[in-house]
Amino acid sequence: MARDRTRGLQWGKAKRPVTSNMNRLGSPNKQEGADGDIQLRSSSIGAKLWAKIGGEWLGNILYNTGRNITLETTKDINIQGKKMTFDMLSGNFLAKNNGTQFSVANSAYAGMILGYTTIGIDAADASYDVTNAFVTIGSGHKVNFVSPPSGAVEIEVFIYSDGASGGRPLHLGLSDNATYSPINFPGADDATNEHEVHTNDDDEEVSINHRWVVTGLTAGTAYEWWLGAKCSHNSIYVLRWGGNVTEEYAPFIMRATALPTAVTDFAVYG
């Protein structure tokens, strides 16, 4: 019968935890205790459990779901792992410097790119002839994003305009459908998002870089918005993008960026 090797194994003798005065703050002295000892101490951030390993006291916070958790050290904090998730129930994200918040209104996510589309990188150039009615310039000329906690975003587009003379204005708008329909912000089918962005004095080729600020979105909701274009007359403007040889056109770009929660003097949407 084979010998049961586990019978020859024994656990080391358990050491009774040394519990310090809970009114005493700080960490154990490096010289006290031996490897394997543990201590329970009070600290400025709550109860901490200490264990001595390799001659060093290592501490961990004791907490429950109803109390705040604070990491406090004068040294660097390094976190390494496969993935890191921040999921704030309140939607508040703060960035501080030595205790002073410098992020606007708990909006440390502001400036984060939420969605980004390019068309025409190392691809044959393409174009769209602007008509006298709003039309989305292409099924792919859009941006998808999920609203940040603030419910406020900035939409930016970049596209090349090849225009004829005539003094006619070029308009751009945001659509929530591949068949042009104005987005529903701040009102339903709101035409206030249809902007005049350029007027040619003569035959003129220019790069159009335009932005919209949209508020009132529902945090955590996904949106899909297309770019639409219009001129009062046909055959005035041709929008162009892309190129796979030298001296052609830059790609079309459309992106959504998170804006901070509205707060007096620091994030004003008026």
C-alpha atoms as a PDB file:
ATOM      1  CA  MET A   1       0.000   0.000   0.000  1.00  0.00           C
ATOM      2  CA  ALA A   2       1.409   3.375  -1.027  1.00  0.00           C
ATOM      3  CA  ARG A   3       2.489   5.653   1.770  1.00  0.00           C
ATOM      4  CA  ASP A   4       0.349   8.724   2.366  1.00  0.00           C
ATOM      5  CA  ARG A   5       2.983  11.462   2.202  1.00  0.00           C
ATOM      6  CA  THR A   6       0.617  14.064   3.618  1.00  0.00           C
ATOM      7  CA  ARG A   7       0.838  12.316   6.995  1.00  0.00           C
ATOM      8  CA  GLY A   8       4.424  13.469   7.228  1.00  0.00           C
ATOM      9  CA  LEU A   9       3.526  17.126   6.640  1.00  0.00           C
ATOM     10  CA  GLN A  10       2.726  19.415   9.543  1.00  0.00           C
ATOM     11  CA  TRP A  11       1.627  23.017   9.733  1.00  0.00           C
ATOM     12  CA  GLY A  12       3.869  25.338  11.708  1.00  0.00           C
ATOM     13  CA  LYS A  13       2.587  26.279  15.126  1.00  0.00           C
ATOM     14  CA  ALA A  14       0.072  29.114  14.966  1.00  0.00           C
ATOM     15  CA  LYS A  15       1.179  32.361  16.558  1.00  0.00           C
ATOM     16  CA  ARG A  16      -1.297  34.331  18.547  1.00  0.00           C
ATOM     17  CA  PRO A  17      -2.039  37.714  16.948  1.00  0.00           C
ATOM     18  CA  VAL A  18      -0.560  40.663  18.753  1.00  0.00           C
ATOM     19  CA  THR A  19      -3.257  43.334  18.984  1.00  0.00           C
ATOM     20  CA  SER A  20      -2.006  46.808  19.733  1.00  0.00           C
ATOM     21  CA  ASN A  21      -3.933  49.557  21.475  1.00  0.00           C
ATOM     22  CA  MET A  22      -6.582  50.576  18.923  1.00  0.00           C
ATOM     23  CA  ASN A  23      -6.182  54.199  19.976  1.00  0.00           C
ATOM     24  CA  ARG A  24      -2.590  54.070  18.756  1.00  0.00           C
ATOM     25  CA  LEU A  25      -1.956  55.281  15.206  1.00  0.00           C
ATOM     26  CA  GLY A  26       0.747  54.285  12.747  1.00  0.00           C
ATOM     27  CA  SER A  27       2.561  51.167  11.677  1.00  0.00           C
ATOM     28  CA  PRO A  28       4.512  48.615  13.733  1.00  0.00           C
ATOM     29  CA  ASN A  29       8.158  49.325  14.420  1.00  0.00           C
ATOM     30  CA  LYS A  30      10.441  47.443  12.021  1.00  0.00           C
ATOM     31  CA  GLN A  31      12.437  45.984  14.905  1.00  0.00           C
ATOM     32  CA  GLU A  32       9.469  44.472  16.750  1.00  0.00           C
ATOM     33  CA  GLY A  33       8.012  41.036  16.129  1.00  0.00           C
ATOM     34  CA  ALA A  34       9.176  38.171  13.952  1.00  0.00           C
ATOM     35  CA  ASP A  35       8.202  36.839  10.544  1.00  0.00           C
ATOM     36  CA  GLY A  36       4.714  35.380  10.693  1.00  0.00           C
ATOM     37  CA  ASP A  37       3.505  37.766  13.419  1.00  0.00           C
ATOM     38  CA  ILE A  38       0.406  39.813  12.753  1.00  0.00           C
ATOM     39  CA  GLN A  39      -0.954  42.953  14.382  1.00  0.00           C
ATOM     40  CA  LEU A  40      -4.220  44.810  14.281  1.00  0.00           C
ATOM     41  CA  ARG A  41      -3.844  48.582  14.559  1.00  0.00           C
ATOM     42  CA  SER A  42      -5.854  51.717  14.241  1.00  0.00           C
ATOM     43  CA  SER A  43      -4.783  54.220  11.593  1.00  0.00           C
ATOM     44  CA  SER A  44      -5.857  57.592  10.234  1.00  0.00           C
ATOM     45  CA  ILE A  45      -7.764  55.743   7.475  1.00  0.00           C
ATOM     46  CA  GLY A  46      -9.346  53.044   9.663  1.00  0.00           C
ATOM     47  CA  ALA A  47      -8.363  49.646  11.026  1.00  0.00           C
ATOM     48  CA  LYS A  48      -5.375  47.962   9.374  1.00  0.00           C
ATOM     49  CA  LEU A  49      -4.124  44.402   9.538  1.00  0.00           C
ATOM     50  CA  TRP A  50      -0.329  44.068   9.579  1.00  0.00           C
ATOM     51  CA  ALA A  51       1.781  40.965   8.906  1.00  0.00           C
ATOM     52  CA  LYS A  52       5.562  40.671   9.143  1.00  0.00           C
ATOM     53  CA  ILE A  53       7.085  38.919   6.124  1.00  0.00           C
ATOM     54  CA  GLY A  54      10.780  38.908   5.220  1.00  0.00           C
ATOM     55  CA  GLY A  55      11.546  41.344   8.000  1.00  0.00           C
ATOM     56  CA  GLU A  56       9.036  43.923   6.718  1.00  0.00           C
ATOM     57  CA  TRP A  57       5.617  44.819   8.093  1.00  0.00           C
ATOM     58  CA  LEU A  58       2.996  44.788   5.319  1.00  0.00           C
ATOM     59  CA  GLY A  59      -0.404  46.334   5.924  1.00  0.00           C
ATOM     60  CA  ASN A  60      -3.879  46.042   4.469  1.00  0.00           C
ATOM     61  CA  ILE A  61      -7.046  48.016   5.171  1.00  0.00           C
ATOM     62  CA  LEU A  62     -10.000  46.383   6.905  1.00  0.00           C
ATOM     63  CA  TYR A  63     -13.255  47.724   5.536  1.00  0.00           C
ATOM     64  CA  ASN A  64     -16.924  47.086   4.976  1.00  0.00           C
ATOM     65  CA  THR A  65     -19.185  48.235   2.151  1.00  0.00           C
ATOM     66  CA  GLY A  66     -20.621  51.050   4.246  1.00  0.00           C
ATOM     67  CA  ARG A  67     -17.332  52.894   4.848  1.00  0.00           C
ATOM     68  CA  ASN A  68     -14.889  54.877   2.752  1.00  0.00           C
ATOM     69  CA  ILE A  69     -11.619  53.259   1.711  1.00  0.00           C
ATOM     70  CA  THR A  70      -8.474  55.376   1.608  1.00  0.00           C
ATOM     71  CA  LEU A  71      -4.993  54.408   0.437  1.00  0.00           C
ATOM     72  CA  GLU A  72      -2.409  56.597   2.125  1.00  0.00           C
ATOM     73  CA  THR A  73       1.329  56.506   1.590  1.00  0.00           C
ATOM     74  CA  THR A  74       4.239  58.860   1.053  1.00  0.00           C
ATOM     75  CA  LYS A  75       5.598  56.445  -1.547  1.00  0.00           C
ATOM     76  CA  ASP A  76       4.503  55.582  -5.091  1.00  0.00           C
ATOM     77  CA  ILE A  77       1.396  53.467  -5.662  1.00  0.00           C
ATOM     78  CA  ASN A  78       1.900  51.014  -8.513  1.00  0.00           C
ATOM     79  CA  ILE A  79      -0.976  48.930  -9.831  1.00  0.00           C
ATOM     80  CA  GLN A  80      -0.317  46.265 -12.427  1.00  0.00           C
ATOM     81  CA  GLY A  81      -2.851  43.897 -13.908  1.00  0.00           C
ATOM     82  CA  LYS A  82      -4.549  42.660 -17.027  1.00  0.00           C
ATOM     83  CA  LYS A  83      -7.380  45.193 -16.858  1.00  0.00           C
ATOM     84  CA  MET A  84      -8.474  48.083 -14.651  1.00  0.00           C
ATOM     85  CA  THR A  85     -12.128  49.096 -14.281  1.00  0.00           C
ATOM     86  CA  PHE A  86     -13.446  52.288 -12.693  1.00  0.00           C
ATOM     87  CA  ASP A  87     -17.183  52.028 -12.018  1.00  0.00           C
ATOM     88  CA  MET A  88     -18.429  54.957  -9.933  1.00  0.00           C
ATOM     89  CA  LEU A  89     -22.049  54.627  -8.784  1.00  0.00           C
ATOM     90  CA  SER A  90     -22.316  58.417  -8.485  1.00  0.00           C
ATOM     91  CA  GLY A  91     -20.594  59.156 -11.809  1.00  0.00           C
ATOM     92  CA  ASN A  92     -18.149  61.409  -9.951  1.00  0.00           C
ATOM     93  CA  PHE A  93     -14.476  61.162 -10.924  1.00  0.00           C
ATOM     94  CA  LEU A  94     -12.082  63.497  -9.088  1.00  0.00           C
ATOM     95  CA  ALA A  95      -8.483  64.444  -9.804  1.00  0.00           C
ATOM     96  CA  LYS A  96      -6.642  66.180  -6.964  1.00  0.00           C
ATOM     97  CA  ASN A  97      -3.246  67.685  -6.258  1.00  0.00           C
ATOM     98  CA  ASN A  98      -2.280  67.438  -2.591  1.00  0.00           C
ATOM     99  CA  GLY A  99      -5.940  67.386  -1.538  1.00  0.00           C
ATOM    100  CA  THR A 100      -7.171  70.138  -3.875  1.00  0.00           C
ATOM    101  CA  GLN A 101      -9.431  69.073  -6.724  1.00  0.00           C
ATOM    102  CA  PHE A 102      -8.441  70.559 -10.078  1.00  0.00           C
ATOM    103  CA  SER A 103     -10.845  68.562 -12.231  1.00  0.00           C
ATOM    104  CA  VAL A 104     -14.017  70.493 -13.050  1.00  0.00           C
ATOM    105  CA  ALA A 105     -17.083  69.473 -11.006  1.00  0.00           C
ATOM    106  CA  ASN A 106     -15.990  65.890 -10.293  1.00  0.00           C
ATOM    107  CA  SER A 107     -15.406  65.425 -14.029  1.00  0.00           C
ATOM    108  CA  ALA A 108     -11.866  64.069 -14.314  1.00  0.00           C
ATOM    109  CA  TYR A 109     -13.050  62.152 -17.399  1.00  0.00           C
ATOM    110  CA  ALA A 110     -13.520  65.444 -19.319  1.00  0.00           C
ATOM    111  CA  GLY A 111     -11.419  65.476 -22.481  1.00  0.00           C
ATOM    112  CA  MET A 112     -11.734  61.719 -22.960  1.00  0.00           C
ATOM    113  CA  ILE A 113     -12.379  60.735 -26.573  1.00  0.00           C
ATOM    114  CA  LEU A 114     -15.641  58.777 -26.543  1.00  0.00           C
ATOM    115  CA  GLY A 115     -15.860  57.976 -30.251  1.00  0.00           C
ATOM    116  CA  TYR A 116     -13.647  58.539 -33.302  1.00  0.00           C
ATOM    117  CA  THR A 117     -14.162  57.939 -37.027  1.00  0.00           C
ATOM    118  CA  THR A 118     -11.801  58.491 -39.939  1.00  0.00           C
ATOM    119  CA  ILE A 119     -12.460  57.757 -43.613  1.00  0.00           C
ATOM    120  CA  GLY A 120      -9.863  57.921 -46.361  1.00  0.00           C
ATOM    121  CA  ILE A 121      -6.571  56.888 -44.759  1.00  0.00           C
ATOM    122  CA  ASP A 122      -4.447  55.523 -47.607  1.00  0.00           C
ATOM    123  CA  ALA A 123      -7.611  55.032 -49.663  1.00  0.00           C
ATOM    124  CA  ALA A 124      -8.858  56.335 -53.007  1.00  0.00           C
ATOM    125  CA  ASP A 125     -10.146  59.891 -52.707  1.00  0.00           C
ATOM    126  CA  ALA A 126     -13.911  60.357 -52.596  1.00  0.00           C
ATOM    127  CA  SER A 127     -16.318  63.282 -52.594  1.00  0.00           C
ATOM    128  CA  TYR A 128     -19.874  64.461 -52.014  1.00  0.00           C
ATOM    129  CA  ASP A 129     -21.654  67.180 -54.013  1.00  0.00           C
ATOM    130  CA  VAL A 130     -23.592  69.364 -51.598  1.00  0.00           C
ATOM    131  CA  THR A 131     -27.233  69.979 -52.559  1.00  0.00           C
ATOM    132  CA  ASN A 132     -29.815  72.597 -51.582  1.00  0.00           C
ATOM    133  CA  ALA A 133     -31.293  70.334 -48.863  1.00  0.00           C
ATOM    134  CA  PHE A 134     -29.698  68.706 -45.837  1.00  0.00           C
ATOM    135  CA  VAL A 135     -28.430  65.196 -46.655  1.00  0.00           C
ATOM    136  CA  THR A 136     -26.001  62.984 -44.751  1.00  0.00           C
ATOM    137  CA  ILE A 137     -22.820  62.913 -46.783  1.00  0.00           C
ATOM    138  CA  GLY A 138     -22.333  59.138 -46.404  1.00  0.00           C
ATOM    139  CA  SER A 139     -23.460  56.179 -44.324  1.00  0.00           C
ATOM    140  CA  GLY A 140     -20.042  55.925 -42.684  1.00  0.00           C
ATOM    141  CA  HIS A 141     -19.608  59.643 -41.953  1.00  0.00           C
ATOM    142  CA  LYS A 142     -20.729  59.353 -38.355  1.00  0.00           C
ATOM    143  CA  VAL A 143     -19.535  58.913 -34.784  1.00  0.00           C
ATOM    144  CA  ASN A 144     -20.744  56.446 -32.147  1.00  0.00           C
ATOM    145  CA  PHE A 145     -20.312  57.164 -28.441  1.00  0.00           C
ATOM    146  CA  VAL A 146     -21.742  56.581 -24.974  1.00  0.00           C
ATOM    147  CA  SER A 147     -22.678  59.695 -23.019  1.00  0.00           C
ATOM    148  CA  PRO A 148     -20.418  60.560 -20.053  1.00  0.00           C
ATOM    149  CA  PRO A 149     -21.870  61.273 -16.575  1.00  0.00           C
ATOM    150  CA  SER A 150     -22.105  65.004 -17.389  1.00  0.00           C
ATOM    151  CA  GLY A 151     -24.449  64.390 -20.332  1.00  0.00           C
ATOM    152  CA  ALA A 152     -22.349  66.899 -22.293  1.00  0.00           C
ATOM    153  CA  VAL A 153     -20.142  66.259 -25.339  1.00  0.00           C
ATOM    154  CA  GLU A 154     -18.251  68.136 -28.002  1.00  0.00           C
ATOM    155  CA  ILE A 155     -18.614  66.845 -31.570  1.00  0.00           C
ATOM    156  CA  GLU A 156     -15.866  67.828 -33.989  1.00  0.00           C
ATOM    157  CA  VAL A 157     -15.586  67.257 -37.736  1.00  0.00           C
ATOM    158  CA  PHE A 158     -12.795  67.853 -40.223  1.00  0.00           C
ATOM    159  CA  ILE A 159     -13.438  67.775 -43.971  1.00  0.00           C
ATOM    160  CA  TYR A 160     -12.064  69.444 -47.099  1.00  0.00           C
ATOM    161  CA  SER A 161     -14.281  71.861 -49.037  1.00  0.00           C
ATOM    162  CA  ASP A 162     -13.842  72.585 -52.753  1.00  0.00           C
ATOM    163  CA  GLY A 163     -16.118  75.547 -53.491  1.00  0.00           C
ATOM    164  CA  ALA A 164     -17.103  77.599 -56.515  1.00  0.00           C
ATOM    165  CA  SER A 165     -17.699  81.357 -56.516  1.00  0.00           C
ATOM    166  CA  GLY A 166     -21.112  82.741 -55.717  1.00  0.00           C
ATOM    167  CA  GLY A 167     -21.070  83.843 -52.081  1.00  0.00           C
ATOM    168  CA  ARG A 168     -23.324  81.005 -50.975  1.00  0.00           C
ATOM    169  CA  PRO A 169     -22.947  79.668 -47.409  1.00  0.00           C
ATOM    170  CA  LEU A 170     -22.115  76.065 -46.565  1.00  0.00           C
ATOM    171  CA  HIS A 171     -24.094  74.537 -43.691  1.00  0.00           C
ATOM    172  CA  LEU A 172     -23.302  71.464 -41.608  1.00  0.00           C
ATOM    173  CA  GLY A 173     -25.670  69.664 -39.239  1.00  0.00           C
ATOM    174  CA  LEU A 174     -25.896  66.628 -36.992  1.00  0.00           C
ATOM    175  CA  SER A 175     -28.338  63.827 -37.755  1.00  0.00           C
ATOM    176  CA  ASP A 176     -29.438  60.905 -35.571  1.00  0.00           C
ATOM    177  CA  ASN A 177     -30.345  58.839 -38.636  1.00  0.00           C
ATOM    178  CA  ALA A 178     -28.522  57.760 -41.784  1.00  0.00           C
ATOM    179  CA  THR A 179     -31.342  59.523 -43.623  1.00  0.00           C
ATOM    180  CA  TYR A 180     -30.944  63.100 -42.476  1.00  0.00           C
ATOM    181  CA  SER A 181     -32.966  64.025 -39.386  1.00  0.00           C
ATOM    182  CA  PRO A 182     -31.716  66.661 -36.905  1.00  0.00           C
ATOM    183  CA  ILE A 183     -30.652  65.340 -33.510  1.00  0.00           C
ATOM    184  CA  ASN A 184     -33.121  65.769 -30.652  1.00  0.00           C
ATOM    185  CA  PHE A 185     -30.994  68.116 -28.549  1.00  0.00           C
ATOM    186  CA  PRO A 186     -31.777  70.424 -26.955  1.00  0.00           C
ATOM    187  CA  GLY A 187     -35.243  69.992 -28.511  1.00  0.00           C
ATOM    188  CA  ALA A 188     -36.881  67.488 -30.851  1.00  0.00           C
ATOM    189  CA  ASP A 189     -35.465  67.572 -34.420  1.00  0.00           C
ATOM    190  CA  ASP A 190     -33.527  70.637 -33.288  1.00  0.00           C
ATOM    191  CA  ALA A 191     -32.380  72.767 -36.222  1.00  0.00           C
ATOM    192  CA  THR A 192     -30.166  74.861 -33.917  1.00  0.00           C
ATOM    193  CA  ASN A 193     -27.478  72.254 -34.586  1.00  0.00           C
ATOM    194  CA  GLU A 194     -27.468  73.231 -38.275  1.00  0.00           C
ATOM    195  CA  HIS A 195     -24.673  75.783 -38.565  1.00  0.00           C
ATOM    196  CA  GLU A 196     -23.264  78.036 -41.263  1.00  0.00           C
ATOM    197  CA  VAL A 197     -19.573  77.127 -41.391  1.00  0.00           C
ATOM    198  CA  HIS A 198     -18.144  78.834 -44.484  1.00  0.00           C
ATOM    199  CA  THR A 199     -18.919  81.195 -47.377  1.00  0.00           C
ATOM    200  CA  ASN A 200     -16.764  81.367 -50.511  1.00  0.00           C
ATOM    201  CA  ASP A 201     -15.814  84.796 -51.834  1.00  0.00           C
ATOM    202  CA  ASP A 202     -14.543  83.196 -55.016  1.00  0.00           C
ATOM    203  CA  ASP A 203     -13.430  79.743 -56.158  1.00  0.00           C
ATOM    204  CA  GLU A 204     -11.940  78.575 -52.904  1.00  0.00           C
ATOM    205  CA  GLU A 205     -10.583  75.369 -51.389  1.00  0.00           C
ATOM    206  CA  VAL A 206     -10.467  75.249 -47.581  1.00  0.00           C
ATOM    207  CA  SER A 207     -10.310  72.782 -44.717  1.00  0.00           C
ATOM    208  CA  ILE A 208     -13.437  72.881 -42.566  1.00  0.00           C
ATOM    209  CA  ASN A 209     -12.964  72.181 -38.875  1.00  0.00           C
ATOM    210  CA  HIS A 210     -16.218  72.654 -36.976  1.00  0.00           C
ATOM    211  CA  ARG A 211     -17.508  71.832 -33.486  1.00  0.00           C
ATOM    212  CA  TRP A 212     -20.833  71.409 -31.732  1.00  0.00           C
ATOM    213  CA  VAL A 213     -21.464  71.412 -27.983  1.00  0.00           C
ATOM    214  CA  VAL A 214     -24.417  69.199 -27.072  1.00  0.00           C
ATOM    215  CA  THR A 215     -25.845  68.939 -23.553  1.00  0.00           C
ATOM    216  CA  GLY A 216     -28.793  67.161 -21.981  1.00  0.00           C
ATOM    217  CA  LEU A 217     -27.720  63.649 -22.982  1.00  0.00           C
ATOM    218  CA  THR A 218     -28.551  60.674 -20.762  1.00  0.00           C
ATOM    219  CA  ALA A 219     -25.448  59.356 -19.013  1.00  0.00           C
ATOM    220  CA  GLY A 220     -24.562  55.819 -20.106  1.00  0.00           C
ATOM    221  CA  THR A 221     -26.766  55.941 -23.208  1.00  0.00           C
ATOM    222  CA  ALA A 222     -25.289  55.126 -26.638  1.00  0.00           C
ATOM    223  CA  TYR A 223     -25.687  57.625 -29.488  1.00  0.00           C
ATOM    224  CA  GLU A 224     -24.952  57.461 -33.212  1.00  0.00           C
ATOM    225  CA  TRP A 225     -24.780  60.743 -35.133  1.00  0.00           C
ATOM    226  CA  TRP A 226     -24.111  61.439 -38.812  1.00  0.00           C
ATOM    227  CA  LEU A 227     -22.797  64.556 -40.545  1.00  0.00           C
ATOM    228  CA  GLY A 228     -25.187  66.349 -42.887  1.00  0.00           C
ATOM    229  CA  ALA A 229     -24.478  69.179 -45.325  1.00  0.00           C
ATOM    230  CA  LYS A 230     -26.449  71.753 -47.310  1.00  0.00           C
ATOM    231  CA  CYS A 231     -26.067  74.879 -49.435  1.00  0.00           C
ATOM    232  CA  SER A 232     -28.801  77.217 -50.647  1.00  0.00           C
ATOM    233  CA  HIS A 233     -27.821  76.298 -54.230  1.00  0.00           C
ATOM    234  CA  ASN A 234     -26.660  73.090 -55.887  1.00  0.00           C
ATOM    235  CA  SER A 235     -23.209  72.717 -57.474  1.00  0.00           C
ATOM    236  CA  ILE A 236     -21.462  75.233 -55.222  1.00  0.00           C
ATOM    237  CA  TYR A 237     -19.566  72.958 -52.847  1.00  0.00           C
ATOM    238  CA  VAL A 238     -17.902  69.578 -53.183  1.00  0.00           C
ATOM    239  CA  LEU A 239     -16.701  67.944 -49.974  1.00  0.00           C
ATOM    240  CA  ARG A 240     -13.630  65.759 -50.424  1.00  0.00           C
ATOM    241  CA  TRP A 241     -11.584  63.297 -48.361  1.00  0.00           C
ATOM    242  CA  GLY A 242      -8.959  60.582 -48.686  1.00  0.00           C
ATOM    243  CA  GLY A 243      -6.046  59.784 -50.920  1.00  0.00           C
ATOM    244  CA  ASN A 244      -3.634  56.993 -51.760  1.00  0.00           C
ATOM    245  CA  VAL A 245      -1.125  59.025 -53.787  1.00  0.00           C
ATOM    246  CA  THR A 246       0.747  62.212 -53.002  1.00  0.00           C
ATOM    247  CA  GLU A 247      -0.956  65.618 -52.756  1.00  0.00           C
ATOM    248  CA  GLU A 248      -4.519  64.411 -52.375  1.00  0.00           C
ATOM    249  CA  TYR A 249      -6.881  65.043 -49.454  1.00  0.00           C
ATOM    250  CA  ALA A 250      -6.763  64.518 -45.708  1.00  0.00           C
ATOM    251  CA  PRO A 251      -9.113  61.896 -44.273  1.00  0.00           C
ATOM    252  CA  PHE A 252     -12.558  62.796 -43.002  1.00  0.00           C
ATOM    253  CA  ILE A 253     -12.554  62.918 -39.188  1.00  0.00           C
ATOM    254  CA  MET A 254     -15.478  62.976 -36.763  1.00  0.00           C
ATOM    255  CA  ARG A 255     -15.068  62.563 -33.032  1.00  0.00           C
ATOM    256  CA  ALA A 256     -16.954  62.893 -29.746  1.00  0.00           C
ATOM    257  CA  THR A 257     -15.211  64.227 -26.632  1.00  0.00           C
ATOM    258  CA  ALA A 258     -16.513  64.218 -23.048  1.00  0.00           C
ATOM    259  CA  LEU A 259     -17.193  67.610 -21.455  1.00  0.00           C
ATOM    260  CA  PRO A 260     -17.402  68.298 -17.700  1.00  0.00           C
ATOM    261  CA  THR A 261     -20.541  68.715 -15.643  1.00  0.00           C
ATOM    262  CA  ALA A 262     -21.840  72.285 -15.773  1.00  0.00           C
ATOM    263  CA  VAL A 263     -20.576  74.439 -12.898  1.00  0.00           C
ATOM    264  CA  THR A 264     -20.523  78.222 -12.517  1.00  0.00           C
ATOM    265  CA  ASP A 265     -17.422  79.879 -14.013  1.00  0.00           C
ATOM    266  CA  PHE A 266     -15.660  76.592 -14.828  1.00  0.00           C
ATOM    267  CA  ALA A 267     -17.947  74.747 -17.245  1.00  0.00           C
ATOM    268  CA  VAL A 268     -20.570  77.080 -18.686  1.00  0.00           C
ATOM    269  CA  TYR A 269     -23.028  75.978 -21.386  1.00  0.00           C
ATOM    270  CA  GLY A 270     -25.109  79.006 -22.285  1.00  0.00           C
END
